[in-house]
């Protein structure tokens, strides 16, 4: 029972709640888009990117900088490989990161100015919090690029069984043992 209670306490984690945004406004060019041929493109960032807003669990991160990994995708919405991590930075011994797992939208309009929109989802990480599924959007017009984690959801990455189930299993085992002992004493 003590072991089950320990698992119940350790399995409880808090999901990430809040939004964060980055910009390349400090850079004269936000990045470059390379046409790889065959409908494939690579977005290379002019790093570093700067946190321009953060709320909820991202409060206190404004002004932090990070380097973004290049994103290779197909026009229309296919990420060629997940970027793990897409970005990571540390503020006051707390590490923030985001894994880009998939794209649902990837559109590029070549004009004056050019425009790029990427939308998809991934996994947000903050030290001390449970990994949390998050939707994101990346928009670029001309040389200005912004990347926002829009809506961290309440759906976490699959994790080991929750503590309440382990606790219930422990209680059930104690009850079975008590019943077995009671039946054993009845026979004597």
N, C-alpha and C. Protein backbone atom coordinates (compact mmCIF):
# COMPACT_ATOMS: atom_id res chain seq x y z
N UNK A 1 0.82 -1.19 0.00
CA UNK A 1 0.00 0.00 0.00
C UNK A 1 0.87 1.25 0.00
N UNK A 2 1.96 1.25 0.75
CA UNK A 2 2.85 2.40 0.81
C UNK A 2 3.46 2.64 -0.57
N UNK A 3 3.87 1.56 -1.25
CA UNK A 3 4.44 1.69 -2.59
C UNK A 3 3.41 2.27 -3.54
N UNK A 4 2.18 1.80 -3.48
CA UNK A 4 1.12 2.31 -4.36
C UNK A 4 0.87 3.79 -4.09
N UNK A 5 0.89 4.20 -2.83
CA UNK A 5 0.67 5.61 -2.52
C UNK A 5 1.83 6.46 -3.05
N UNK A 6 3.04 5.94 -2.99
CA UNK A 6 4.19 6.66 -3.53
C UNK A 6 4.07 6.87 -5.02
N UNK A 7 3.62 5.84 -5.75
CA UNK A 7 3.41 5.99 -7.18
C UNK A 7 2.31 7.01 -7.46
N UNK A 8 1.27 7.00 -6.62
CA UNK A 8 0.17 7.94 -6.83
C UNK A 8 0.65 9.38 -6.71
N UNK A 9 1.53 9.65 -5.76
CA UNK A 9 2.02 11.01 -5.60
C UNK A 9 2.98 11.40 -6.70
N UNK A 10 3.87 10.46 -7.10
CA UNK A 10 4.87 10.80 -8.10
C UNK A 10 4.29 10.90 -9.50
N UNK A 11 3.15 10.29 -9.75
CA UNK A 11 2.57 10.30 -11.09
C UNK A 11 1.78 11.58 -11.37
N UNK A 12 1.52 12.37 -10.33
CA UNK A 12 0.75 13.59 -10.53
C UNK A 12 1.69 14.71 -11.01
N UNK A 13 1.44 15.23 -12.20
CA UNK A 13 2.24 16.32 -12.74
C UNK A 13 1.30 17.37 -13.30
N UNK A 14 1.80 18.57 -13.42
CA UNK A 14 1.00 19.68 -13.91
C UNK A 14 1.30 19.91 -15.37
N UNK A 15 0.25 20.02 -16.18
CA UNK A 15 0.44 20.30 -17.60
C UNK A 15 0.74 21.78 -17.80
N UNK A 16 1.41 22.08 -18.91
CA UNK A 16 1.78 23.44 -19.25
C UNK A 16 0.53 24.20 -19.68
N UNK A 17 0.43 25.43 -19.22
CA UNK A 17 -0.69 26.28 -19.55
C UNK A 17 -0.15 27.66 -19.88
N UNK A 18 -0.45 28.17 -21.06
CA UNK A 18 0.01 29.49 -21.44
C UNK A 18 0.43 29.52 -22.90
N UNK A 19 0.86 30.69 -23.34
CA UNK A 19 1.30 30.85 -24.73
C UNK A 19 2.63 31.59 -24.75
N UNK A 20 3.37 31.38 -25.84
CA UNK A 20 4.65 32.05 -26.01
C UNK A 20 4.81 32.40 -27.48
N UNK A 21 5.48 33.50 -27.74
CA UNK A 21 5.71 33.92 -29.12
C UNK A 21 7.13 34.39 -29.31
N UNK A 22 7.65 34.21 -30.50
CA UNK A 22 9.01 34.62 -30.85
C UNK A 22 8.95 35.52 -32.08
N UNK A 23 9.96 36.33 -32.21
CA UNK A 23 10.05 37.16 -33.41
C UNK A 23 11.51 37.30 -33.81
N UNK A 24 11.69 37.60 -35.07
CA UNK A 24 13.03 37.88 -35.57
C UNK A 24 13.20 39.37 -35.80
N UNK A 25 12.36 40.18 -35.17
CA UNK A 25 12.34 41.62 -35.42
C UNK A 25 13.71 42.26 -35.23
N UNK A 26 14.53 41.71 -34.35
CA UNK A 26 15.85 42.29 -34.12
C UNK A 26 16.81 41.99 -35.28
N UNK A 27 16.46 41.03 -36.12
CA UNK A 27 17.30 40.66 -37.25
C UNK A 27 16.81 41.35 -38.51
N UNK A 28 17.72 41.85 -39.36
CA UNK A 28 17.28 42.48 -40.60
C UNK A 28 16.54 41.52 -41.51
N UNK A 29 16.85 40.23 -41.44
CA UNK A 29 16.08 39.25 -42.21
C UNK A 29 15.67 38.14 -41.27
N UNK A 30 14.41 37.73 -41.34
CA UNK A 30 13.90 36.71 -40.45
C UNK A 30 14.41 35.32 -40.77
N UNK A 31 14.82 35.13 -41.99
CA UNK A 31 15.31 33.83 -42.41
C UNK A 31 15.26 33.72 -43.91
N UNK A 32 15.49 32.52 -44.40
CA UNK A 32 15.43 32.31 -45.84
C UNK A 32 14.70 31.00 -46.12
N UNK A 33 14.01 31.00 -47.25
CA UNK A 33 13.29 29.81 -47.67
C UNK A 33 13.98 29.27 -48.92
N UNK A 34 14.44 28.04 -48.84
CA UNK A 34 15.16 27.42 -49.94
C UNK A 34 14.25 26.42 -50.62
N UNK A 35 14.12 26.53 -51.93
CA UNK A 35 13.34 25.58 -52.72
C UNK A 35 14.25 24.39 -53.03
N UNK A 36 13.93 23.24 -52.45
CA UNK A 36 14.74 22.04 -52.63
C UNK A 36 14.37 21.28 -53.89
N UNK A 37 13.32 21.73 -54.59
CA UNK A 37 12.83 21.02 -55.77
C UNK A 37 11.81 19.97 -55.38
N UNK A 38 10.98 19.59 -56.31
CA UNK A 38 9.98 18.55 -56.06
C UNK A 38 8.94 18.95 -55.03
N UNK A 39 8.71 20.25 -54.82
CA UNK A 39 7.72 20.70 -53.85
C UNK A 39 8.21 20.72 -52.43
N UNK A 40 9.51 20.53 -52.21
CA UNK A 40 10.10 20.53 -50.87
C UNK A 40 10.82 21.86 -50.63
N UNK A 41 10.66 22.38 -49.41
CA UNK A 41 11.28 23.65 -49.03
C UNK A 41 11.96 23.50 -47.68
N UNK A 42 12.99 24.31 -47.43
CA UNK A 42 13.62 24.38 -46.12
C UNK A 42 13.62 25.82 -45.65
N UNK A 43 13.09 26.04 -44.46
CA UNK A 43 13.10 27.35 -43.83
C UNK A 43 14.30 27.41 -42.90
N UNK A 44 15.23 28.32 -43.20
CA UNK A 44 16.40 28.55 -42.35
C UNK A 44 16.19 29.87 -41.62
N UNK A 45 16.36 29.85 -40.32
CA UNK A 45 16.11 31.03 -39.50
C UNK A 45 17.37 31.88 -39.37
N UNK A 46 17.18 33.20 -39.26
CA UNK A 46 18.27 34.11 -38.91
C UNK A 46 18.29 34.19 -37.40
N UNK A 47 18.98 33.24 -36.79
CA UNK A 47 19.02 33.15 -35.33
C UNK A 47 19.91 34.23 -34.76
N UNK A 48 19.70 34.66 -33.53
CA UNK A 48 18.72 34.09 -32.61
C UNK A 48 17.34 34.72 -32.77
N UNK A 49 16.34 33.96 -32.34
CA UNK A 49 14.97 34.45 -32.25
C UNK A 49 14.78 34.94 -30.82
N UNK A 50 13.89 35.92 -30.64
CA UNK A 50 13.67 36.54 -29.33
C UNK A 50 12.23 36.32 -28.88
N UNK A 51 12.05 35.95 -27.61
CA UNK A 51 10.71 35.82 -27.04
C UNK A 51 10.12 37.23 -26.95
N UNK A 52 8.96 37.44 -27.64
CA UNK A 52 8.34 38.76 -27.59
C UNK A 52 7.07 38.78 -26.75
N UNK A 53 6.53 37.62 -26.36
CA UNK A 53 5.46 37.59 -25.37
C UNK A 53 5.40 36.20 -24.76
N UNK A 54 4.94 36.16 -23.52
CA UNK A 54 4.75 34.90 -22.82
C UNK A 54 3.77 35.12 -21.70
N UNK A 55 2.80 34.22 -21.57
CA UNK A 55 1.87 34.32 -20.44
C UNK A 55 1.67 32.95 -19.83
N UNK A 56 0.93 32.89 -18.74
CA UNK A 56 0.75 31.62 -18.04
C UNK A 56 2.10 31.10 -17.56
N UNK A 57 2.41 29.87 -17.86
CA UNK A 57 3.66 29.25 -17.44
C UNK A 57 4.88 29.79 -18.18
N UNK A 58 4.66 30.62 -19.19
CA UNK A 58 5.75 31.26 -19.93
C UNK A 58 6.02 32.69 -19.45
N UNK A 59 5.34 33.13 -18.41
CA UNK A 59 5.55 34.47 -17.87
C UNK A 59 7.01 34.59 -17.41
N UNK A 60 7.61 35.73 -17.70
CA UNK A 60 9.01 35.96 -17.29
C UNK A 60 10.03 35.56 -18.34
N UNK A 61 9.58 35.15 -19.53
CA UNK A 61 10.52 34.72 -20.56
C UNK A 61 10.78 35.77 -21.63
N UNK A 62 10.04 36.89 -21.61
CA UNK A 62 10.20 37.93 -22.64
C UNK A 62 11.64 38.43 -22.65
N UNK A 63 12.21 38.49 -23.83
CA UNK A 63 13.59 38.93 -24.00
C UNK A 63 14.58 37.79 -24.12
N UNK A 64 14.18 36.58 -23.73
CA UNK A 64 15.07 35.42 -23.87
C UNK A 64 15.31 35.15 -25.35
N UNK A 65 16.45 34.60 -25.67
CA UNK A 65 16.76 34.28 -27.07
C UNK A 65 17.02 32.79 -27.21
N UNK A 66 16.79 32.30 -28.42
CA UNK A 66 17.02 30.89 -28.72
C UNK A 66 17.30 30.74 -30.20
N UNK A 67 17.89 29.64 -30.56
CA UNK A 67 18.12 29.31 -31.97
C UNK A 67 17.09 28.28 -32.40
N UNK A 68 16.46 28.53 -33.53
CA UNK A 68 15.49 27.61 -34.11
C UNK A 68 16.19 26.67 -35.08
N UNK A 69 15.79 25.42 -35.10
CA UNK A 69 16.29 24.46 -36.08
C UNK A 69 15.59 24.72 -37.42
N UNK A 70 16.28 24.48 -38.52
CA UNK A 70 15.66 24.61 -39.84
C UNK A 70 14.49 23.65 -39.96
N UNK A 71 13.47 24.05 -40.72
CA UNK A 71 12.28 23.22 -40.92
C UNK A 71 12.19 22.87 -42.40
N UNK A 72 12.19 21.58 -42.71
CA UNK A 72 12.03 21.12 -44.09
C UNK A 72 10.64 20.52 -44.23
N UNK A 73 9.91 20.99 -45.26
CA UNK A 73 8.51 20.59 -45.43
C UNK A 73 8.16 20.58 -46.91
N UNK A 74 7.00 19.97 -47.20
CA UNK A 74 6.47 20.00 -48.56
C UNK A 74 5.38 21.05 -48.63
N UNK A 75 5.27 21.72 -49.77
CA UNK A 75 4.24 22.73 -49.93
C UNK A 75 2.88 22.05 -49.81
N UNK A 76 2.06 22.49 -48.89
CA UNK A 76 0.77 21.89 -48.63
C UNK A 76 0.67 21.32 -47.24
N UNK A 77 1.79 20.92 -46.64
CA UNK A 77 1.69 20.52 -45.25
C UNK A 77 2.37 19.27 -44.79
N UNK A 78 3.47 18.87 -45.31
CA UNK A 78 4.13 17.70 -44.77
C UNK A 78 5.50 18.02 -44.22
N UNK A 79 5.74 17.70 -42.96
CA UNK A 79 7.04 17.87 -42.34
C UNK A 79 7.88 16.65 -42.73
N UNK A 80 9.09 16.86 -43.24
CA UNK A 80 9.88 15.71 -43.69
C UNK A 80 10.36 14.86 -42.52
N UNK A 81 10.77 15.51 -41.41
CA UNK A 81 11.14 14.79 -40.19
C UNK A 81 10.81 15.67 -38.99
N UNK A 82 10.42 15.08 -37.87
CA UNK A 82 10.19 15.88 -36.67
C UNK A 82 11.47 16.60 -36.25
N UNK A 83 11.34 17.80 -35.70
CA UNK A 83 12.48 18.55 -35.16
C UNK A 83 12.42 18.46 -33.65
N UNK A 84 13.34 17.69 -33.09
CA UNK A 84 13.35 17.48 -31.64
C UNK A 84 14.72 17.90 -31.11
N UNK A 85 14.84 19.08 -30.51
CA UNK A 85 13.82 20.11 -30.35
C UNK A 85 13.85 21.09 -31.51
N UNK A 86 12.76 21.82 -31.67
CA UNK A 86 12.73 22.94 -32.62
C UNK A 86 13.48 24.12 -32.02
N UNK A 87 13.26 24.35 -30.73
CA UNK A 87 13.98 25.39 -30.01
C UNK A 87 14.05 25.02 -28.54
N UNK A 88 15.03 25.59 -27.84
CA UNK A 88 15.17 25.39 -26.40
C UNK A 88 15.92 26.58 -25.81
N UNK A 89 15.56 26.99 -24.60
CA UNK A 89 16.28 28.04 -23.89
C UNK A 89 16.04 27.87 -22.40
N UNK A 90 16.90 28.52 -21.60
CA UNK A 90 16.80 28.43 -20.14
C UNK A 90 16.75 29.83 -19.55
N UNK A 91 15.81 30.04 -18.61
CA UNK A 91 15.69 31.28 -17.85
C UNK A 91 15.56 30.90 -16.38
N UNK A 92 16.44 31.45 -15.53
CA UNK A 92 16.39 31.18 -14.08
C UNK A 92 16.35 29.68 -13.77
N UNK A 93 17.21 28.92 -14.39
CA UNK A 93 17.34 27.47 -14.18
C UNK A 93 16.10 26.67 -14.61
N UNK A 94 15.22 27.28 -15.38
CA UNK A 94 14.05 26.57 -15.93
C UNK A 94 14.26 26.46 -17.44
N UNK A 95 14.22 25.25 -17.96
CA UNK A 95 14.42 25.03 -19.39
C UNK A 95 13.07 24.91 -20.08
N UNK A 96 12.93 25.65 -21.17
CA UNK A 96 11.73 25.66 -22.01
C UNK A 96 12.14 25.10 -23.36
N UNK A 97 11.32 24.22 -23.94
CA UNK A 97 11.63 23.72 -25.28
C UNK A 97 10.35 23.28 -25.98
N UNK A 98 10.48 23.09 -27.28
CA UNK A 98 9.35 22.68 -28.09
C UNK A 98 9.83 21.73 -29.17
N UNK A 99 9.15 20.59 -29.29
CA UNK A 99 9.43 19.60 -30.33
C UNK A 99 8.38 19.75 -31.41
N UNK A 100 8.80 20.03 -32.63
CA UNK A 100 7.88 20.14 -33.77
C UNK A 100 7.66 18.74 -34.32
N UNK A 101 6.43 18.23 -34.21
CA UNK A 101 6.14 16.84 -34.58
C UNK A 101 5.46 16.69 -35.94
N UNK A 102 4.60 17.65 -36.31
CA UNK A 102 3.89 17.51 -37.59
C UNK A 102 3.38 18.87 -38.07
N UNK A 103 3.10 18.94 -39.35
CA UNK A 103 2.50 20.12 -39.95
C UNK A 103 1.17 19.75 -40.56
N UNK A 104 0.15 20.58 -40.34
CA UNK A 104 -1.14 20.37 -40.98
C UNK A 104 -1.31 21.33 -42.15
N UNK A 105 -0.60 22.46 -42.11
CA UNK A 105 -0.65 23.45 -43.18
C UNK A 105 0.75 23.98 -43.44
N UNK A 106 1.10 24.06 -44.70
CA UNK A 106 2.36 24.69 -45.11
C UNK A 106 2.10 25.35 -46.45
N UNK A 107 2.00 26.67 -46.45
CA UNK A 107 1.74 27.37 -47.71
C UNK A 107 2.76 28.48 -47.90
N UNK A 108 3.18 28.64 -49.13
CA UNK A 108 4.13 29.68 -49.48
C UNK A 108 3.58 30.45 -50.67
N UNK A 109 3.57 31.77 -50.54
CA UNK A 109 3.12 32.64 -51.62
C UNK A 109 4.30 33.53 -52.02
N UNK A 110 4.77 33.36 -53.25
CA UNK A 110 5.89 34.15 -53.73
C UNK A 110 5.35 35.41 -54.37
N UNK A 111 5.56 36.53 -53.74
CA UNK A 111 5.06 37.80 -54.25
C UNK A 111 5.81 38.95 -53.62
N UNK A 112 5.19 40.10 -53.61
CA UNK A 112 5.81 41.25 -53.00
C UNK A 112 4.85 41.86 -51.99
N UNK A 113 4.93 41.54 -50.72
CA UNK A 113 5.96 40.70 -50.13
C UNK A 113 5.58 39.21 -50.21
N UNK A 114 6.58 38.36 -50.04
CA UNK A 114 6.34 36.92 -49.97
C UNK A 114 5.69 36.59 -48.63
N UNK A 115 4.97 35.48 -48.58
CA UNK A 115 4.31 35.08 -47.33
C UNK A 115 4.43 33.57 -47.14
N UNK A 116 4.66 33.19 -45.91
CA UNK A 116 4.77 31.78 -45.54
C UNK A 116 3.92 31.54 -44.31
N UNK A 117 3.14 30.46 -44.31
CA UNK A 117 2.35 30.07 -43.15
C UNK A 117 2.57 28.59 -42.89
N UNK A 118 2.96 28.26 -41.67
CA UNK A 118 3.08 26.87 -41.23
C UNK A 118 2.21 26.72 -39.99
N UNK A 119 1.41 25.66 -39.95
CA UNK A 119 0.60 25.36 -38.77
C UNK A 119 0.70 23.87 -38.50
N UNK A 120 0.71 23.52 -37.25
CA UNK A 120 0.81 22.11 -36.90
C UNK A 120 0.79 21.92 -35.40
N UNK A 121 1.44 20.84 -34.96
CA UNK A 121 1.49 20.62 -33.53
C UNK A 121 2.77 19.94 -33.12
N UNK A 122 2.96 19.92 -31.81
CA UNK A 122 4.17 19.35 -31.25
C UNK A 122 4.01 19.18 -29.75
N UNK A 123 5.14 19.11 -29.07
CA UNK A 123 5.13 18.87 -27.63
C UNK A 123 5.92 19.97 -26.94
N UNK A 124 5.28 20.64 -25.99
CA UNK A 124 5.93 21.68 -25.20
C UNK A 124 6.50 21.06 -23.93
N UNK A 125 7.69 21.54 -23.55
CA UNK A 125 8.38 21.06 -22.35
C UNK A 125 8.79 22.26 -21.50
N UNK A 126 8.57 22.18 -20.20
CA UNK A 126 9.09 23.14 -19.24
C UNK A 126 9.53 22.35 -18.02
N UNK A 127 10.71 22.64 -17.49
CA UNK A 127 11.20 21.95 -16.30
C UNK A 127 10.14 21.96 -15.21
N UNK A 128 9.84 20.79 -14.65
CA UNK A 128 8.87 20.68 -13.56
C UNK A 128 7.44 20.47 -13.99
N UNK A 129 7.18 20.48 -15.30
CA UNK A 129 5.83 20.30 -15.82
C UNK A 129 5.76 19.03 -16.66
N UNK A 130 4.56 18.54 -16.83
CA UNK A 130 4.31 17.40 -17.69
C UNK A 130 4.43 17.83 -19.16
N UNK A 131 5.02 17.00 -20.00
CA UNK A 131 5.05 17.29 -21.43
C UNK A 131 3.62 17.47 -21.91
N UNK A 132 3.38 18.52 -22.71
CA UNK A 132 2.03 18.89 -23.09
C UNK A 132 1.92 19.10 -24.59
N UNK A 133 0.90 18.52 -25.19
CA UNK A 133 0.63 18.71 -26.61
C UNK A 133 0.30 20.18 -26.84
N UNK A 134 0.82 20.76 -27.94
CA UNK A 134 0.55 22.17 -28.22
C UNK A 134 0.41 22.39 -29.72
N UNK A 135 -0.48 23.30 -30.09
CA UNK A 135 -0.63 23.73 -31.49
C UNK A 135 0.25 24.95 -31.69
N UNK A 136 0.73 25.13 -32.92
CA UNK A 136 1.58 26.29 -33.17
C UNK A 136 1.28 26.88 -34.53
N UNK A 137 1.73 28.10 -34.72
CA UNK A 137 1.63 28.76 -36.02
C UNK A 137 2.92 29.54 -36.25
N UNK A 138 3.40 29.50 -37.46
CA UNK A 138 4.56 30.27 -37.86
C UNK A 138 4.15 31.06 -39.08
N UNK A 139 4.34 32.37 -39.02
CA UNK A 139 3.96 33.22 -40.14
C UNK A 139 5.13 34.13 -40.50
N UNK A 140 5.36 34.28 -41.78
CA UNK A 140 6.42 35.17 -42.25
C UNK A 140 5.88 36.00 -43.39
N UNK A 141 6.14 37.29 -43.33
CA UNK A 141 5.79 38.19 -44.42
C UNK A 141 7.02 39.05 -44.68
N UNK A 142 7.54 39.00 -45.89
CA UNK A 142 8.76 39.73 -46.18
C UNK A 142 9.87 39.21 -45.31
N UNK A 143 10.47 40.08 -44.50
CA UNK A 143 11.58 39.68 -43.64
C UNK A 143 11.18 39.50 -42.19
N UNK A 144 9.90 39.69 -41.87
CA UNK A 144 9.45 39.58 -40.49
C UNK A 144 8.84 38.20 -40.26
N UNK A 145 9.31 37.50 -39.25
CA UNK A 145 8.89 36.14 -38.96
C UNK A 145 8.43 36.07 -37.52
N UNK A 146 7.29 35.44 -37.26
CA UNK A 146 6.84 35.20 -35.89
C UNK A 146 6.50 33.72 -35.74
N UNK A 147 6.72 33.20 -34.56
CA UNK A 147 6.42 31.81 -34.24
C UNK A 147 5.69 31.83 -32.91
N UNK A 148 4.48 31.32 -32.87
CA UNK A 148 3.68 31.33 -31.65
C UNK A 148 3.21 29.92 -31.32
N UNK A 149 3.31 29.53 -30.06
CA UNK A 149 2.62 28.35 -29.59
C UNK A 149 1.25 28.86 -29.16
N UNK A 150 0.24 28.45 -29.88
CA UNK A 150 -1.08 29.06 -29.73
C UNK A 150 -1.88 28.52 -28.56
N UNK A 151 -2.08 27.23 -28.51
CA UNK A 151 -3.02 26.68 -27.54
C UNK A 151 -2.49 25.40 -26.94
N UNK A 152 -1.64 25.49 -25.92
CA UNK A 152 -1.30 24.24 -25.26
C UNK A 152 -2.58 23.56 -24.81
N UNK A 153 -2.71 22.30 -25.13
CA UNK A 153 -3.96 21.61 -24.84
C UNK A 153 -3.89 20.89 -23.51
N UNK A 154 -4.97 20.29 -23.12
CA UNK A 154 -5.00 19.49 -21.90
C UNK A 154 -4.77 18.02 -22.20
N UNK A 155 -4.33 17.72 -23.40
CA UNK A 155 -4.04 16.35 -23.77
C UNK A 155 -2.54 16.15 -23.71
N UNK A 156 -2.10 15.36 -22.77
CA UNK A 156 -0.67 15.17 -22.57
C UNK A 156 -0.15 14.05 -23.47
N UNK A 157 1.16 14.04 -23.62
CA UNK A 157 1.83 12.95 -24.31
C UNK A 157 1.55 11.69 -23.50
N UNK A 158 1.29 10.55 -24.16
CA UNK A 158 1.04 9.34 -23.38
C UNK A 158 2.16 9.10 -22.38
N UNK A 159 1.77 8.85 -21.15
CA UNK A 159 2.73 8.67 -20.07
C UNK A 159 2.41 7.37 -19.35
N UNK A 160 3.29 6.95 -18.46
CA UNK A 160 2.97 5.75 -17.68
C UNK A 160 1.65 5.92 -16.97
N UNK A 161 1.05 4.78 -16.57
CA UNK A 161 -0.26 4.77 -15.95
C UNK A 161 -0.35 5.76 -14.80
N UNK A 162 -1.48 6.43 -14.68
CA UNK A 162 -1.69 7.45 -13.66
C UNK A 162 -1.65 6.89 -12.26
N UNK A 163 -1.38 7.74 -11.31
CA UNK A 163 -1.25 7.34 -9.92
C UNK A 163 -2.54 6.83 -9.32
N UNK A 164 -3.69 7.34 -9.76
CA UNK A 164 -4.96 6.90 -9.17
C UNK A 164 -5.21 5.43 -9.46
N UNK A 165 -4.85 4.99 -10.66
CA UNK A 165 -5.03 3.57 -11.01
C UNK A 165 -4.12 2.70 -10.15
N UNK A 166 -2.87 3.13 -9.96
CA UNK A 166 -1.93 2.36 -9.13
C UNK A 166 -2.43 2.31 -7.69
N UNK A 167 -2.95 3.44 -7.19
CA UNK A 167 -3.47 3.47 -5.82
C UNK A 167 -4.66 2.53 -5.67
N UNK A 168 -5.58 2.54 -6.64
CA UNK A 168 -6.73 1.63 -6.59
C UNK A 168 -6.28 0.17 -6.64
N UNK A 169 -5.28 -0.12 -7.45
CA UNK A 169 -4.75 -1.49 -7.51
C UNK A 169 -4.19 -1.89 -6.16
N UNK A 170 -3.45 -0.98 -5.51
CA UNK A 170 -2.90 -1.26 -4.18
C UNK A 170 -3.99 -1.53 -3.16
N UNK A 171 -5.04 -0.72 -3.18
CA UNK A 171 -6.17 -0.91 -2.25
C UNK A 171 -6.84 -2.26 -2.52
N UNK A 172 -7.01 -2.59 -3.80
CA UNK A 172 -7.64 -3.87 -4.15
C UNK A 172 -6.79 -5.05 -3.66
N UNK A 173 -5.47 -4.95 -3.79
CA UNK A 173 -4.60 -6.03 -3.33
C UNK A 173 -4.67 -6.20 -1.81
N UNK A 174 -4.73 -5.08 -1.09
CA UNK A 174 -4.86 -5.14 0.37
C UNK A 174 -6.20 -5.79 0.74
N UNK A 175 -7.27 -5.44 0.04
CA UNK A 175 -8.58 -6.02 0.31
C UNK A 175 -8.58 -7.53 0.02
N UNK A 176 -7.97 -7.93 -1.08
CA UNK A 176 -7.89 -9.36 -1.41
C UNK A 176 -7.11 -10.10 -0.34
N UNK A 177 -5.99 -9.53 0.10
CA UNK A 177 -5.18 -10.17 1.14
C UNK A 177 -5.99 -10.29 2.44
N UNK A 178 -6.72 -9.26 2.82
CA UNK A 178 -7.53 -9.29 4.04
C UNK A 178 -8.61 -10.36 3.93
N UNK A 179 -9.26 -10.44 2.77
CA UNK A 179 -10.29 -11.44 2.55
C UNK A 179 -9.70 -12.84 2.60
N UNK A 180 -8.52 -13.03 2.02
CA UNK A 180 -7.86 -14.34 2.03
C UNK A 180 -7.54 -14.75 3.46
N UNK A 181 -7.03 -13.82 4.26
CA UNK A 181 -6.71 -14.13 5.65
C UNK A 181 -7.97 -14.47 6.45
N UNK A 182 -9.04 -13.73 6.20
CA UNK A 182 -10.29 -13.98 6.93
C UNK A 182 -10.81 -15.37 6.59
N UNK A 183 -10.75 -15.74 5.31
CA UNK A 183 -11.21 -17.08 4.90
C UNK A 183 -10.29 -18.15 5.46
N UNK A 184 -8.98 -17.88 5.57
CA UNK A 184 -8.04 -18.85 6.12
C UNK A 184 -8.33 -19.09 7.60
N UNK A 185 -8.64 -18.05 8.37
CA UNK A 185 -8.93 -18.21 9.78
C UNK A 185 -10.27 -18.91 9.99
N UNK A 186 -11.21 -18.77 9.10
CA UNK A 186 -12.52 -19.39 9.22
C UNK A 186 -12.42 -20.90 9.12
N UNK A 187 -11.46 -21.40 8.35
CA UNK A 187 -11.33 -22.83 8.12
C UNK A 187 -10.72 -23.54 9.33
N UNK A 188 -10.00 -22.86 10.17
CA UNK A 188 -9.30 -23.47 11.27
C UNK A 188 -10.18 -23.74 12.43
